Amino acid sequence: MRDRIAILLLAAAVLPAATFTVGGDDPGSWPLILQSVGFGAGAPARVFVITEGAKAEPEAWLPRIEQGATVVLEGDSPLARALGFQPSPALEPVQSIVDEHRPKLPIVWERAIRLPTYATPEGARIFARERWRQAPLLAGLRRGQGAVLWAAVSPGATGTERFPYFVHALAAMGVEPPVRSGRLWAFFDSSYRSRADAGYLAARWRKAGI
């Protein structure tokens, strides 16, 4: 039994840390998204999130991606352009989107946002598009040993209202969530929390990754 426990502890010690860092003054809801599926904040990071406006020089980051880093990019930046995500001068309203994971599911944002129409690099996989003009909104790109997951805009205040299948896209780019089960059922019985607001309870479940 002791030998078995020792083997498990050794295996846990050699596994890559499931951690992330967020660059920029405002991390937004990125910590909520990643922590909900088991990632922890800290270094050395496995996933690097670079928010729009954060300083990220292409000369520093392109080699890191080539060598195996996974980078989540938000919006327009010199790094995004260096990777091939080029914005148009004109802005167009975006409110209704289609995600490849559930293409028949209507995803409508609470408020429309005016965004550029981005050209994406060759070889990019488009995960989400604007419904009517098919403008890319969430795309993945493999580069060398690493990967990039680019979003045209932030994921919103709660992390689920704009790109509800973001974690699925991250997994498609080779970053499996540390906490995952396709065979787990969760049953909710509100009678045990009859005085609690249903929206509050739902938010707690979502934060837990359900």
N, C-alpha and C. Protein backbone atom coordinates (compact mmCIF):
# COMPACT_ATOMS: atom_id res chain seq x y z
N MET A 1 0.83 -1.21 0.00
CA MET A 1 0.00 0.00 0.00
C MET A 1 0.87 1.26 0.00
N ARG A 2 1.94 1.23 0.84
CA ARG A 2 2.83 2.38 0.88
C ARG A 2 3.50 2.60 -0.47
N ASP A 3 3.89 1.49 -1.12
CA ASP A 3 4.52 1.61 -2.43
C ASP A 3 3.57 2.24 -3.43
N ARG A 4 2.28 1.85 -3.37
CA ARG A 4 1.30 2.39 -4.30
C ARG A 4 1.12 3.89 -4.08
N ILE A 5 1.05 4.29 -2.81
CA ILE A 5 0.90 5.72 -2.50
C ILE A 5 2.13 6.49 -2.97
N ALA A 6 3.31 5.90 -2.77
CA ALA A 6 4.54 6.57 -3.19
C ALA A 6 4.57 6.77 -4.69
N ILE A 7 4.10 5.76 -5.44
CA ILE A 7 4.05 5.87 -6.90
C ILE A 7 3.10 6.98 -7.32
N LEU A 8 1.94 7.06 -6.67
CA LEU A 8 0.97 8.11 -7.01
C LEU A 8 1.53 9.49 -6.72
N LEU A 9 2.21 9.64 -5.58
CA LEU A 9 2.80 10.93 -5.24
C LEU A 9 3.90 11.31 -6.22
N LEU A 10 4.69 10.33 -6.63
CA LEU A 10 5.75 10.59 -7.60
C LEU A 10 5.17 11.00 -8.93
N ALA A 11 4.09 10.32 -9.36
CA ALA A 11 3.45 10.67 -10.63
C ALA A 11 2.90 12.08 -10.59
N ALA A 12 2.30 12.46 -9.45
CA ALA A 12 1.76 13.81 -9.32
C ALA A 12 2.87 14.84 -9.36
N ALA A 13 4.04 14.48 -8.82
CA ALA A 13 5.14 15.43 -8.77
C ALA A 13 5.73 15.71 -10.14
N VAL A 14 5.69 14.71 -11.05
CA VAL A 14 6.31 14.90 -12.35
C VAL A 14 5.33 15.41 -13.40
N LEU A 15 4.04 15.47 -13.08
CA LEU A 15 3.09 16.01 -14.04
C LEU A 15 3.30 17.51 -14.20
N PRO A 16 3.11 18.10 -15.41
CA PRO A 16 3.25 19.53 -15.59
C PRO A 16 2.22 20.28 -14.77
N ALA A 17 2.65 21.38 -14.19
CA ALA A 17 1.74 22.16 -13.34
C ALA A 17 0.59 22.71 -14.16
N ALA A 18 -0.62 22.54 -13.65
CA ALA A 18 -1.82 23.06 -14.33
C ALA A 18 -2.06 24.47 -13.84
N THR A 19 -1.24 25.39 -14.30
CA THR A 19 -1.31 26.76 -13.82
C THR A 19 -1.42 27.73 -14.98
N PHE A 20 -1.79 28.97 -14.65
CA PHE A 20 -1.93 30.01 -15.67
C PHE A 20 -1.49 31.35 -15.09
N THR A 21 -1.17 32.28 -15.99
CA THR A 21 -0.95 33.67 -15.61
C THR A 21 -1.74 34.55 -16.56
N VAL A 22 -2.14 35.73 -16.09
CA VAL A 22 -2.87 36.69 -16.92
C VAL A 22 -2.06 37.98 -16.97
N GLY A 23 -1.70 38.41 -18.18
CA GLY A 23 -0.96 39.64 -18.36
C GLY A 23 -1.90 40.81 -18.59
N GLY A 24 -1.55 41.97 -18.05
CA GLY A 24 -2.40 43.15 -18.21
C GLY A 24 -2.89 43.65 -16.88
N ASP A 25 -3.39 44.89 -16.87
CA ASP A 25 -3.86 45.51 -15.63
C ASP A 25 -5.17 44.91 -15.13
N ASP A 26 -6.03 44.47 -16.05
CA ASP A 26 -7.34 43.94 -15.67
C ASP A 26 -7.46 42.49 -16.15
N PRO A 27 -7.43 41.52 -15.25
CA PRO A 27 -7.52 40.12 -15.68
C PRO A 27 -8.89 39.72 -16.18
N GLY A 28 -9.92 40.56 -15.89
CA GLY A 28 -11.27 40.23 -16.33
C GLY A 28 -11.75 38.92 -15.73
N SER A 29 -12.47 38.15 -16.53
CA SER A 29 -13.03 36.89 -16.03
C SER A 29 -12.16 35.68 -16.37
N TRP A 30 -10.98 35.91 -16.92
CA TRP A 30 -10.13 34.77 -17.29
C TRP A 30 -9.81 33.87 -16.10
N PRO A 31 -9.48 34.43 -14.92
CA PRO A 31 -9.26 33.53 -13.77
C PRO A 31 -10.48 32.68 -13.44
N LEU A 32 -11.68 33.26 -13.53
CA LEU A 32 -12.91 32.50 -13.26
C LEU A 32 -13.04 31.31 -14.21
N ILE A 33 -12.77 31.56 -15.49
CA ILE A 33 -12.91 30.51 -16.50
C ILE A 33 -11.94 29.36 -16.22
N LEU A 34 -10.68 29.70 -16.04
CA LEU A 34 -9.65 28.66 -15.91
C LEU A 34 -9.72 27.96 -14.56
N GLN A 35 -10.02 28.70 -13.51
CA GLN A 35 -10.13 28.07 -12.19
C GLN A 35 -11.34 27.15 -12.10
N SER A 36 -12.37 27.42 -12.89
CA SER A 36 -13.58 26.59 -12.84
C SER A 36 -13.33 25.17 -13.32
N VAL A 37 -12.25 24.95 -14.08
CA VAL A 37 -11.93 23.60 -14.56
C VAL A 37 -10.60 23.10 -13.99
N GLY A 38 -10.16 23.71 -12.90
CA GLY A 38 -9.04 23.13 -12.18
C GLY A 38 -7.69 23.78 -12.34
N PHE A 39 -7.56 24.79 -13.21
CA PHE A 39 -6.28 25.48 -13.33
C PHE A 39 -6.07 26.39 -12.12
N GLY A 40 -4.83 26.52 -11.70
CA GLY A 40 -4.51 27.42 -10.60
C GLY A 40 -3.65 28.57 -11.09
N ALA A 41 -3.81 29.73 -10.47
CA ALA A 41 -3.01 30.89 -10.85
C ALA A 41 -1.61 30.76 -10.26
N GLY A 42 -0.60 31.05 -11.07
CA GLY A 42 0.76 31.00 -10.55
C GLY A 42 1.76 30.63 -11.61
N ALA A 43 3.02 30.72 -11.25
CA ALA A 43 4.12 30.38 -12.14
C ALA A 43 4.89 29.19 -11.57
N PRO A 44 5.53 28.39 -12.42
CA PRO A 44 5.56 28.48 -13.88
C PRO A 44 4.23 28.10 -14.49
N ALA A 45 3.80 28.87 -15.48
CA ALA A 45 2.47 28.71 -16.05
C ALA A 45 2.48 27.77 -17.24
N ARG A 46 1.36 27.10 -17.42
CA ARG A 46 1.15 26.28 -18.61
C ARG A 46 0.37 27.07 -19.66
N VAL A 47 -0.52 27.95 -19.20
CA VAL A 47 -1.33 28.78 -20.10
C VAL A 47 -1.06 30.24 -19.78
N PHE A 48 -0.76 31.02 -20.81
CA PHE A 48 -0.50 32.45 -20.65
C PHE A 48 -1.64 33.23 -21.31
N VAL A 49 -2.35 34.02 -20.53
CA VAL A 49 -3.43 34.84 -21.07
C VAL A 49 -2.91 36.27 -21.22
N ILE A 50 -3.05 36.82 -22.41
CA ILE A 50 -2.60 38.19 -22.68
C ILE A 50 -3.82 39.01 -23.07
N THR A 51 -4.27 39.87 -22.17
CA THR A 51 -5.47 40.67 -22.42
C THR A 51 -5.16 41.82 -23.36
N GLU A 52 -6.21 42.37 -23.96
CA GLU A 52 -6.02 43.48 -24.89
C GLU A 52 -5.43 44.67 -24.15
N GLY A 53 -4.37 45.23 -24.72
CA GLY A 53 -3.69 46.36 -24.09
C GLY A 53 -2.49 45.96 -23.26
N ALA A 54 -2.34 44.67 -22.97
CA ALA A 54 -1.18 44.21 -22.20
C ALA A 54 0.07 44.26 -23.07
N LYS A 55 1.19 44.53 -22.44
CA LYS A 55 2.45 44.59 -23.18
C LYS A 55 2.93 43.18 -23.48
N ALA A 56 3.03 42.87 -24.75
CA ALA A 56 3.50 41.54 -25.17
C ALA A 56 4.21 41.70 -26.51
N GLU A 57 5.52 41.83 -26.45
CA GLU A 57 6.31 42.05 -27.66
C GLU A 57 6.40 40.76 -28.48
N PRO A 58 6.12 40.85 -29.78
CA PRO A 58 6.22 39.66 -30.63
C PRO A 58 7.60 39.01 -30.57
N GLU A 59 8.66 39.84 -30.47
CA GLU A 59 10.01 39.29 -30.46
C GLU A 59 10.25 38.37 -29.26
N ALA A 60 9.53 38.64 -28.17
CA ALA A 60 9.70 37.81 -26.98
C ALA A 60 8.77 36.60 -26.98
N TRP A 61 7.56 36.79 -27.51
CA TRP A 61 6.54 35.74 -27.38
C TRP A 61 6.53 34.73 -28.51
N LEU A 62 6.87 35.13 -29.71
CA LEU A 62 6.84 34.17 -30.82
C LEU A 62 7.77 32.98 -30.58
N PRO A 63 9.02 33.20 -30.11
CA PRO A 63 9.87 32.04 -29.81
C PRO A 63 9.31 31.17 -28.69
N ARG A 64 8.67 31.78 -27.69
CA ARG A 64 8.10 30.99 -26.58
C ARG A 64 6.98 30.08 -27.08
N ILE A 65 6.17 30.62 -27.99
CA ILE A 65 5.11 29.80 -28.57
C ILE A 65 5.70 28.65 -29.38
N GLU A 66 6.69 28.97 -30.20
CA GLU A 66 7.35 27.94 -31.02
C GLU A 66 7.91 26.82 -30.15
N GLN A 67 8.35 27.17 -28.93
CA GLN A 67 8.98 26.20 -28.05
C GLN A 67 7.98 25.46 -27.16
N GLY A 68 6.68 25.76 -27.30
CA GLY A 68 5.68 24.97 -26.58
C GLY A 68 4.71 25.71 -25.71
N ALA A 69 4.79 27.03 -25.63
CA ALA A 69 3.86 27.78 -24.78
C ALA A 69 2.46 27.79 -25.40
N THR A 70 1.45 27.79 -24.54
CA THR A 70 0.07 27.98 -24.98
C THR A 70 -0.36 29.37 -24.56
N VAL A 71 -0.76 30.19 -25.53
CA VAL A 71 -1.09 31.59 -25.27
C VAL A 71 -2.53 31.86 -25.66
N VAL A 72 -3.27 32.48 -24.76
CA VAL A 72 -4.62 32.96 -25.05
C VAL A 72 -4.52 34.45 -25.31
N LEU A 73 -4.92 34.87 -26.50
CA LEU A 73 -4.82 36.28 -26.90
C LEU A 73 -6.20 36.91 -26.98
N GLU A 74 -6.30 38.13 -26.49
CA GLU A 74 -7.58 38.84 -26.50
C GLU A 74 -7.48 40.07 -27.39
N GLY A 75 -8.30 40.15 -28.42
CA GLY A 75 -8.42 41.35 -29.24
C GLY A 75 -7.22 41.62 -30.12
N ASP A 76 -7.03 42.90 -30.42
CA ASP A 76 -5.97 43.35 -31.32
C ASP A 76 -4.72 43.70 -30.52
N SER A 77 -3.57 43.33 -31.07
CA SER A 77 -2.29 43.64 -30.42
C SER A 77 -1.18 43.41 -31.44
N PRO A 78 0.02 43.96 -31.19
CA PRO A 78 1.13 43.66 -32.09
C PRO A 78 1.41 42.16 -32.21
N LEU A 79 1.24 41.42 -31.10
CA LEU A 79 1.47 39.98 -31.15
C LEU A 79 0.41 39.29 -31.99
N ALA A 80 -0.85 39.69 -31.83
CA ALA A 80 -1.92 39.09 -32.63
C ALA A 80 -1.68 39.35 -34.12
N ARG A 81 -1.26 40.57 -34.45
CA ARG A 81 -1.00 40.89 -35.86
C ARG A 81 0.20 40.10 -36.39
N ALA A 82 1.23 39.95 -35.56
CA ALA A 82 2.40 39.18 -35.98
C ALA A 82 2.05 37.73 -36.26
N LEU A 83 1.03 37.22 -35.57
CA LEU A 83 0.57 35.85 -35.78
C LEU A 83 -0.38 35.73 -36.97
N GLY A 84 -0.85 36.87 -37.49
CA GLY A 84 -1.72 36.85 -38.67
C GLY A 84 -3.16 37.24 -38.44
N PHE A 85 -3.50 37.70 -37.24
CA PHE A 85 -4.87 38.15 -36.96
C PHE A 85 -4.95 39.65 -37.24
N GLN A 86 -5.42 39.98 -38.44
CA GLN A 86 -5.38 41.36 -38.92
C GLN A 86 -6.78 41.97 -38.91
N PRO A 87 -6.98 43.10 -38.18
CA PRO A 87 -8.31 43.72 -38.11
C PRO A 87 -8.58 44.64 -39.29
N SER A 88 -9.85 44.73 -39.66
CA SER A 88 -10.27 45.67 -40.70
C SER A 88 -10.40 47.06 -40.07
N PRO A 89 -10.34 48.13 -40.88
CA PRO A 89 -10.53 49.47 -40.33
C PRO A 89 -11.96 49.70 -39.83
N ALA A 90 -12.94 49.11 -40.51
CA ALA A 90 -14.35 49.34 -40.17
C ALA A 90 -14.79 48.45 -39.02
N LEU A 91 -15.73 48.98 -38.23
CA LEU A 91 -16.32 48.22 -37.13
C LEU A 91 -17.73 47.79 -37.50
N GLU A 92 -18.08 46.57 -37.13
CA GLU A 92 -19.41 46.03 -37.40
C GLU A 92 -20.02 45.51 -36.10
N PRO A 93 -21.36 45.61 -35.96
CA PRO A 93 -21.99 45.11 -34.74
C PRO A 93 -21.97 43.58 -34.68
N VAL A 94 -21.69 43.04 -33.50
CA VAL A 94 -21.70 41.60 -33.27
C VAL A 94 -22.58 41.32 -32.06
N GLN A 95 -23.55 40.43 -32.23
CA GLN A 95 -24.41 40.05 -31.10
C GLN A 95 -24.79 38.58 -31.14
N SER A 96 -24.95 38.04 -32.33
CA SER A 96 -25.35 36.64 -32.48
C SER A 96 -24.18 35.86 -33.08
N ILE A 97 -23.82 34.73 -32.44
CA ILE A 97 -22.67 33.97 -32.91
C ILE A 97 -23.03 32.49 -33.07
N VAL A 98 -22.16 31.78 -33.78
CA VAL A 98 -22.29 30.33 -33.98
C VAL A 98 -20.99 29.69 -33.52
N ASP A 99 -21.09 28.67 -32.67
CA ASP A 99 -19.92 27.94 -32.21
C ASP A 99 -19.91 26.55 -32.83
N GLU A 100 -18.75 26.11 -33.27
CA GLU A 100 -18.68 24.82 -33.97
C GLU A 100 -19.04 23.63 -33.07
N HIS A 101 -18.94 23.81 -31.76
CA HIS A 101 -19.27 22.71 -30.86
C HIS A 101 -20.77 22.45 -30.78
N ARG A 102 -21.57 23.49 -30.95
CA ARG A 102 -23.03 23.36 -30.97
C ARG A 102 -23.57 24.33 -32.01
N PRO A 103 -23.39 24.04 -33.30
CA PRO A 103 -23.75 25.01 -34.34
C PRO A 103 -25.23 25.33 -34.42
N LYS A 104 -26.10 24.46 -33.90
CA LYS A 104 -27.54 24.73 -33.95
C LYS A 104 -28.04 25.48 -32.71
N LEU A 105 -27.16 25.71 -31.76
CA LEU A 105 -27.56 26.40 -30.54
C LEU A 105 -27.45 27.91 -30.74
N PRO A 106 -28.56 28.65 -30.60
CA PRO A 106 -28.48 30.11 -30.73
C PRO A 106 -27.70 30.71 -29.55
N ILE A 107 -26.65 31.44 -29.84
CA ILE A 107 -25.89 32.14 -28.81
C ILE A 107 -26.02 33.63 -29.10
N VAL A 108 -26.72 34.33 -28.26
CA VAL A 108 -26.99 35.76 -28.47
C VAL A 108 -26.46 36.53 -27.27
N TRP A 109 -25.56 37.47 -27.53
CA TRP A 109 -25.02 38.29 -26.46
C TRP A 109 -26.06 39.28 -25.97
N GLU A 110 -25.98 39.64 -24.71
CA GLU A 110 -26.96 40.57 -24.13
C GLU A 110 -26.92 41.92 -24.83
N ARG A 111 -25.71 42.38 -25.16
CA ARG A 111 -25.55 43.66 -25.85
C ARG A 111 -24.65 43.47 -27.07
N ALA A 112 -24.98 44.14 -28.15
CA ALA A 112 -24.14 44.11 -29.34
C ALA A 112 -22.84 44.87 -29.08
N ILE A 113 -21.77 44.41 -29.69
CA ILE A 113 -20.47 45.06 -29.58
C ILE A 113 -19.96 45.32 -30.98
N ARG A 114 -19.43 46.51 -31.21
CA ARG A 114 -18.87 46.84 -32.52
C ARG A 114 -17.40 46.40 -32.55
N LEU A 115 -17.09 45.52 -33.50
CA LEU A 115 -15.76 44.94 -33.59
C LEU A 115 -15.24 45.00 -35.02
N PRO A 116 -13.92 45.01 -35.20
CA PRO A 116 -13.38 44.85 -36.55
C PRO A 116 -13.67 43.45 -37.07
N THR A 117 -13.62 43.29 -38.37
CA THR A 117 -13.66 41.96 -38.98
C THR A 117 -12.22 41.52 -39.18
N TYR A 118 -11.86 40.42 -38.57
CA TYR A 118 -10.46 39.98 -38.59
C TYR A 118 -10.20 38.97 -39.70
N ALA A 119 -9.06 39.15 -40.36
CA ALA A 119 -8.52 38.10 -41.22
C ALA A 119 -7.70 37.18 -40.34
N THR A 120 -7.79 35.89 -40.58
CA THR A 120 -7.07 34.93 -39.75
C THR A 120 -5.94 34.28 -40.55
N PRO A 121 -4.89 33.82 -39.87
CA PRO A 121 -3.76 33.22 -40.59
C PRO A 121 -4.11 31.88 -41.21
N GLU A 122 -3.36 31.51 -42.21
CA GLU A 122 -3.55 30.20 -42.85
C GLU A 122 -3.34 29.09 -41.82
N GLY A 123 -4.23 28.13 -41.83
CA GLY A 123 -4.13 27.02 -40.90
C GLY A 123 -4.87 27.22 -39.60
N ALA A 124 -5.45 28.40 -39.41
CA ALA A 124 -6.20 28.65 -38.17
C ALA A 124 -7.51 27.86 -38.18
N ARG A 125 -7.90 27.39 -37.02
CA ARG A 125 -9.18 26.70 -36.85
C ARG A 125 -10.18 27.66 -36.21
N ILE A 126 -11.28 27.92 -36.90
CA ILE A 126 -12.27 28.87 -36.40
C ILE A 126 -13.27 28.12 -35.52
N PHE A 127 -13.35 28.51 -34.26
CA PHE A 127 -14.28 27.87 -33.33
C PHE A 127 -15.61 28.60 -33.25
N ALA A 128 -15.59 29.92 -33.38
CA ALA A 128 -16.83 30.70 -33.29
C ALA A 128 -16.80 31.84 -34.30
N ARG A 129 -17.97 32.10 -34.91
CA ARG A 129 -18.11 33.15 -35.91
C ARG A 129 -19.35 33.99 -35.62
N GLU A 130 -19.34 35.20 -36.17
CA GLU A 130 -20.55 36.02 -36.18
C GLU A 130 -21.55 35.33 -37.09
N ARG A 131 -22.79 35.27 -36.67
CA ARG A 131 -23.78 34.43 -37.36
C ARG A 131 -24.01 34.84 -38.81
N TRP A 132 -24.12 36.14 -39.10
CA TRP A 132 -24.59 36.56 -40.42
C TRP A 132 -23.44 36.83 -41.39
N ARG A 133 -22.36 37.42 -40.92
CA ARG A 133 -21.24 37.74 -41.82
C ARG A 133 -20.12 36.70 -41.74
N GLN A 134 -20.25 35.75 -40.81
CA GLN A 134 -19.26 34.68 -40.65
C GLN A 134 -17.88 35.20 -40.26
N ALA A 135 -17.84 36.37 -39.63
CA ALA A 135 -16.56 36.93 -39.19
C ALA A 135 -15.99 36.09 -38.04
N PRO A 136 -14.71 35.74 -38.09
CA PRO A 136 -14.11 34.93 -37.02
C PRO A 136 -14.11 35.69 -35.69
N LEU A 137 -14.45 34.98 -34.62
CA LEU A 137 -14.46 35.57 -33.28
C LEU A 137 -13.61 34.79 -32.28
N LEU A 138 -13.44 33.49 -32.51
CA LEU A 138 -12.61 32.66 -31.65
C LEU A 138 -11.89 31.66 -32.54
N ALA A 139 -10.56 31.69 -32.52
CA ALA A 139 -9.79 30.85 -33.44
C ALA A 139 -8.55 30.31 -32.76
N GLY A 140 -8.15 29.12 -33.18
CA GLY A 140 -6.94 28.49 -32.66
C GLY A 140 -5.90 28.34 -33.75
N LEU A 141 -4.64 28.41 -33.35
CA LEU A 141 -3.54 28.30 -34.30
C LEU A 141 -2.39 27.54 -33.64
N ARG A 142 -1.92 26.51 -34.31
CA ARG A 142 -0.73 25.80 -33.83
C ARG A 142 0.50 26.41 -34.49
N ARG A 143 1.51 26.60 -33.66
CA ARG A 143 2.74 27.20 -34.18
C ARG A 143 3.93 26.52 -33.50
N GLY A 144 4.71 25.80 -34.29
CA GLY A 144 5.80 25.04 -33.71
C GLY A 144 5.25 24.00 -32.75
N GLN A 145 5.80 23.98 -31.54
CA GLN A 145 5.33 23.05 -30.52
C GLN A 145 4.23 23.64 -29.65
N GLY A 146 3.91 24.92 -29.86
CA GLY A 146 2.92 25.59 -29.02
C GLY A 146 1.63 25.86 -29.75
N ALA A 147 0.77 26.62 -29.09
CA ALA A 147 -0.55 26.92 -29.65
C ALA A 147 -1.02 28.28 -29.18
N VAL A 148 -1.91 28.87 -29.99
CA VAL A 148 -2.52 30.16 -29.67
C VAL A 148 -4.02 30.00 -29.78
N LEU A 149 -4.74 30.53 -28.80
CA LEU A 149 -6.20 30.61 -28.88
C LEU A 149 -6.55 32.09 -28.80
N TRP A 150 -7.07 32.62 -29.90
CA TRP A 150 -7.33 34.06 -30.02
C TRP A 150 -8.83 34.32 -29.95
N ALA A 151 -9.19 35.35 -29.19
CA ALA A 151 -10.59 35.80 -29.09
C ALA A 151 -10.66 37.25 -29.52
N ALA A 152 -11.65 37.58 -30.33
CA ALA A 152 -11.78 38.94 -30.84
C ALA A 152 -12.12 39.94 -29.76
N VAL A 153 -12.67 39.46 -28.65
CA VAL A 153 -13.11 40.34 -27.57
C VAL A 153 -13.02 39.56 -26.26
N SER A 154 -13.08 40.26 -25.15
CA SER A 154 -13.02 39.59 -23.85
C SER A 154 -14.21 38.65 -23.67
N PRO A 155 -14.11 37.66 -22.80
CA PRO A 155 -15.22 36.71 -22.63
C PRO A 155 -16.39 37.25 -21.83
N GLY A 156 -16.31 38.48 -21.35
CA GLY A 156 -17.42 39.06 -20.58
C GLY A 156 -17.21 38.96 -19.09
N ALA A 157 -18.11 39.56 -18.33
CA ALA A 157 -17.94 39.68 -16.88
C ALA A 157 -17.95 38.35 -16.16
N THR A 158 -18.80 37.42 -16.59
CA THR A 158 -18.91 36.13 -15.90
C THR A 158 -18.06 35.04 -16.55
N GLY A 159 -17.60 35.28 -17.77
CA GLY A 159 -16.76 34.30 -18.45
C GLY A 159 -17.50 33.30 -19.32
N THR A 160 -18.83 33.33 -19.30
CA THR A 160 -19.59 32.35 -20.07
C THR A 160 -20.55 32.98 -21.07
N GLU A 161 -20.81 34.27 -20.96
CA GLU A 161 -21.89 34.84 -21.76
C GLU A 161 -21.53 35.07 -23.22
N ARG A 162 -20.25 35.12 -23.57
CA ARG A 162 -19.88 35.35 -24.98
C ARG A 162 -19.35 34.10 -25.66
N PHE A 163 -18.49 33.37 -24.99
CA PHE A 163 -17.90 32.16 -25.58
C PHE A 163 -18.11 30.99 -24.61
N PRO A 164 -19.32 30.44 -24.56
CA PRO A 164 -19.60 29.38 -23.58
C PRO A 164 -18.80 28.10 -23.80
N TYR A 165 -18.23 27.94 -25.00
CA TYR A 165 -17.46 26.73 -25.28
C TYR A 165 -15.96 27.02 -25.37
N PHE A 166 -15.53 28.07 -24.67
CA PHE A 166 -14.11 28.43 -24.70
C PHE A 166 -13.22 27.28 -24.20
N VAL A 167 -13.61 26.67 -23.09
CA VAL A 167 -12.79 25.59 -22.52
C VAL A 167 -12.69 24.42 -23.49
N HIS A 168 -13.76 24.16 -24.25
CA HIS A 168 -13.72 23.10 -25.26
C HIS A 168 -12.71 23.44 -26.36
N ALA A 169 -12.68 24.72 -26.74
CA ALA A 169 -11.71 25.14 -27.76
C ALA A 169 -10.29 25.01 -27.23
N LEU A 170 -10.09 25.35 -25.97
CA LEU A 170 -8.76 25.22 -25.36
C LEU A 170 -8.32 23.76 -25.36
N ALA A 171 -9.25 22.86 -25.06
CA ALA A 171 -8.93 21.42 -25.08
C ALA A 171 -8.59 20.97 -26.50
N ALA A 172 -9.29 21.52 -27.49
CA ALA A 172 -9.02 21.16 -28.88
C ALA A 172 -7.62 21.59 -29.31
N MET A 173 -7.08 22.60 -28.62
CA MET A 173 -5.73 23.06 -28.93
C MET A 173 -4.67 22.32 -28.11
N GLY A 174 -5.10 21.29 -27.39
CA GLY A 174 -4.14 20.45 -26.70
C GLY A 174 -4.00 20.69 -25.22
N VAL A 175 -4.83 21.58 -24.65
CA VAL A 175 -4.75 21.86 -23.22
C VAL A 175 -5.99 21.29 -22.55
N GLU A 176 -5.87 20.07 -22.05
CA GLU A 176 -7.00 19.43 -21.39
C GLU A 176 -7.17 19.99 -19.99
N PRO A 177 -8.40 20.29 -19.57
CA PRO A 177 -8.62 20.78 -18.21
C PRO A 177 -8.17 19.74 -17.18
N PRO A 178 -7.55 20.18 -16.08
CA PRO A 178 -7.14 19.23 -15.04
C PRO A 178 -8.31 18.48 -14.43
N VAL A 179 -9.47 19.14 -14.36
CA VAL A 179 -10.67 18.51 -13.80
C VAL A 179 -11.65 18.27 -14.93
N ARG A 180 -11.95 17.00 -15.19
CA ARG A 180 -12.84 16.70 -16.31
C ARG A 180 -13.49 15.34 -16.10
N SER A 181 -14.77 15.24 -16.44
CA SER A 181 -15.46 13.95 -16.41
C SER A 181 -16.62 13.99 -17.39
N GLY A 182 -16.69 12.99 -18.23
CA GLY A 182 -17.81 12.86 -19.14
C GLY A 182 -18.87 11.91 -18.63
N ARG A 183 -18.66 11.37 -17.40
CA ARG A 183 -19.58 10.38 -16.85
C ARG A 183 -20.19 10.83 -15.52
N LEU A 184 -19.94 12.08 -15.15
CA LEU A 184 -20.43 12.59 -13.87
C LEU A 184 -21.78 13.27 -14.05
N TRP A 185 -22.73 12.91 -13.19
CA TRP A 185 -24.04 13.56 -13.18
C TRP A 185 -24.16 14.39 -11.91
N ALA A 186 -24.71 15.58 -12.04
CA ALA A 186 -24.94 16.44 -10.88
C ALA A 186 -26.43 16.75 -10.80
N PHE A 187 -27.03 16.46 -9.68
CA PHE A 187 -28.47 16.70 -9.49
C PHE A 187 -28.67 17.84 -8.50
N PHE A 188 -29.54 18.76 -8.87
CA PHE A 188 -29.80 19.93 -8.04
C PHE A 188 -31.18 19.84 -7.41
N ASP A 189 -31.23 19.92 -6.10
CA ASP A 189 -32.49 19.91 -5.36
C ASP A 189 -32.58 21.21 -4.58
N SER A 190 -33.38 22.14 -5.08
CA SER A 190 -33.46 23.47 -4.47
C SER A 190 -34.14 23.46 -3.12
N SER A 191 -34.82 22.38 -2.76
CA SER A 191 -35.54 22.35 -1.49
C SER A 191 -34.59 22.42 -0.30
N TYR A 192 -33.33 22.03 -0.52
CA TYR A 192 -32.36 22.11 0.56
C TYR A 192 -31.86 23.54 0.77
N ARG A 193 -32.05 24.38 -0.24
CA ARG A 193 -31.62 25.78 -0.14
C ARG A 193 -32.78 26.68 -0.55
N SER A 194 -33.93 26.49 0.07
CA SER A 194 -35.15 27.17 -0.37
C SER A 194 -35.07 28.69 -0.21
N ARG A 195 -34.23 29.17 0.68
CA ARG A 195 -34.13 30.61 0.90
C ARG A 195 -33.04 31.26 0.05
N ALA A 196 -32.29 30.46 -0.66
CA ALA A 196 -31.21 31.00 -1.49
C ALA A 196 -31.72 31.33 -2.88
N ASP A 197 -31.18 32.38 -3.46
CA ASP A 197 -31.55 32.79 -4.81
C ASP A 197 -31.04 31.76 -5.82
N ALA A 198 -31.91 31.37 -6.76
CA ALA A 198 -31.55 30.34 -7.74
C ALA A 198 -30.38 30.79 -8.61
N GLY A 199 -30.37 32.09 -8.97
CA GLY A 199 -29.28 32.60 -9.79
C GLY A 199 -27.94 32.54 -9.07
N TYR A 200 -27.97 32.80 -7.76
CA TYR A 200 -26.75 32.71 -6.96
C TYR A 200 -26.23 31.27 -6.93
N LEU A 201 -27.14 30.32 -6.73
CA LEU A 201 -26.74 28.92 -6.68
C LEU A 201 -26.21 28.44 -8.03
N ALA A 202 -26.86 28.88 -9.11
CA ALA A 202 -26.40 28.50 -10.45
C ALA A 202 -25.00 29.02 -10.71
N ALA A 203 -24.73 30.26 -10.26
CA ALA A 203 -23.40 30.85 -10.45
C ALA A 203 -22.34 30.06 -9.67
N ARG A 204 -22.71 29.60 -8.48
CA ARG A 204 -21.77 28.80 -7.69
C ARG A 204 -21.46 27.47 -8.37
N TRP A 205 -22.48 26.86 -8.97
CA TRP A 205 -22.27 25.59 -9.68
C TRP A 205 -21.39 25.81 -10.91
N ARG A 206 -21.65 26.89 -11.61
CA ARG A 206 -20.84 27.19 -12.79
C ARG A 206 -19.39 27.42 -12.38
N LYS A 207 -19.18 28.13 -11.28
CA LYS A 207 -17.82 28.38 -10.80
C LYS A 207 -17.11 27.09 -10.46
N ALA A 208 -17.89 26.11 -10.02
CA ALA A 208 -17.32 24.80 -9.69
C ALA A 208 -17.06 23.95 -10.93
N GLY A 209 -17.44 24.47 -12.11
CA GLY A 209 -17.16 23.75 -13.35
C GLY A 209 -18.29 22.91 -13.88
N ILE A 210 -19.50 23.06 -13.29
CA ILE A 210 -20.64 22.25 -13.74
C ILE A 210 -21.41 23.01 -14.81
